[in-house]
Protein backbone atom coordinates (compact mmCIF):
# COMPACT_ATOMS: atom_id res chain seq x y z
CA MET A 1 15.62 -13.03 -9.27
CA SER A 2 14.34 -11.83 -5.97
CA GLU A 3 15.61 -8.28 -5.72
CA VAL A 4 13.31 -5.64 -7.16
CA ARG A 5 15.54 -2.93 -8.60
CA VAL A 6 12.73 -0.71 -9.87
CA ARG A 7 9.71 -0.13 -7.61
CA PHE A 8 6.98 1.91 -9.25
CA LYS A 9 5.62 4.92 -7.38
CA LYS A 10 2.09 4.24 -8.67
CA PRO A 11 1.56 0.49 -9.17
CA ALA A 12 -1.14 -0.36 -11.70
CA LYS A 13 -2.65 -3.25 -13.62
CA LEU A 14 -1.36 -3.91 -17.12
CA GLY A 15 -2.62 -6.27 -19.77
CA GLN A 16 -0.47 -9.22 -20.74
CA ASP A 17 0.89 -7.54 -23.89
CA ALA A 18 1.81 -4.39 -21.97
CA ALA A 19 3.50 -6.41 -19.21
CA LEU A 20 5.58 -8.27 -21.81
CA ALA A 21 6.49 -4.96 -23.48
CA LEU A 22 7.59 -3.61 -20.08
CA GLU A 23 9.73 -6.68 -19.46
CA ASP A 24 11.35 -6.40 -22.90
CA TYR A 25 11.93 -2.67 -22.46
CA ALA A 26 13.50 -3.14 -19.02
CA ARG A 27 15.77 -5.86 -20.41
CA ALA A 28 16.91 -3.67 -23.30
CA ALA A 29 17.31 -0.50 -21.23
CA SER A 30 19.26 -2.15 -18.43
CA THR A 31 21.08 -4.90 -20.38
CA PHE A 32 20.09 -7.31 -17.58
CA ASP A 33 17.48 -10.05 -17.58
CA ALA A 34 14.19 -8.60 -16.32
CA VAL A 35 10.96 -9.87 -14.80
CA VAL A 36 7.80 -7.88 -14.11
CA VAL A 37 6.82 -8.05 -10.42
CA MET A 38 3.12 -8.25 -9.51
CA ASP A 39 1.28 -8.42 -6.22
CA SER A 40 -1.42 -10.98 -5.38
CA HIS A 41 -4.02 -8.86 -7.20
CA HIS A 42 -1.96 -8.85 -10.43
CA VAL A 43 -1.02 -5.20 -9.99
CA VAL A 44 2.41 -4.43 -11.44
CA THR A 45 4.56 -3.10 -8.60
CA GLY A 46 8.00 -3.08 -10.22
CA VAL A 47 10.64 -4.82 -12.28
CA SER A 48 13.28 -7.20 -10.97
CA LEU A 49 16.61 -6.97 -12.76
CA ALA A 50 19.23 -9.73 -12.61
CA ALA A 51 22.08 -7.29 -12.10
CA GLY A 52 23.85 -9.25 -9.39
CA LYS A 53 26.08 -6.87 -7.48
CA LYS A 54 26.24 -4.41 -10.36
CA GLU A 55 24.67 -1.01 -9.78
CA VAL A 56 21.78 -0.06 -12.04
CA PRO A 57 22.12 3.61 -13.04
CA VAL A 58 19.38 5.91 -11.76
CA ALA A 59 18.81 7.17 -15.30
CA VAL A 60 17.96 3.60 -16.35
CA THR A 61 15.51 3.01 -13.50
CA GLU A 62 13.84 6.36 -14.19
CA ASP A 63 13.59 5.48 -17.89
CA ILE A 64 11.92 2.15 -17.07
CA GLU A 65 9.45 3.90 -14.78
CA ARG A 66 8.62 6.48 -17.49
CA PHE A 67 7.94 3.64 -19.92
CA PHE A 68 5.70 1.96 -17.35
CA ASP A 69 3.82 5.23 -16.81
CA SER A 70 3.33 5.57 -20.57
CA LEU A 71 1.89 2.05 -20.75
CA VAL A 72 -0.53 2.83 -17.92
CA SER A 73 -1.52 6.10 -19.60
CA ASP A 74 -2.05 4.36 -22.97
CA ALA A 75 -4.25 1.73 -21.29
CA ALA A 76 -6.35 4.46 -19.62
CA ASP A 77 -6.77 6.25 -22.97
CA LYS A 78 -8.20 3.07 -24.49
CA LEU A 79 -10.97 2.77 -21.89
CA GLY A 80 -13.21 4.99 -23.97
CA TRP A 81 -13.98 7.51 -21.27
CA SER A 82 -15.12 10.86 -22.60
């Protein structure tokens, strides 16, 4: 898979468990095989979906991005900042 179908507006680092959850969620939401895409600094920049020539509905890509944002938010909440 080389085509990134979902590029996140605000890339962020995720732990391994969160990255796997994102991959599983993207696979279930889109019904295509999915791989989390990271840059050289291990920042998650998007999700690649093996959709071939099939169109991925905008509602699905937005749903995946919302899930990603919730994972980032959950990770920030666990930092212990007051």
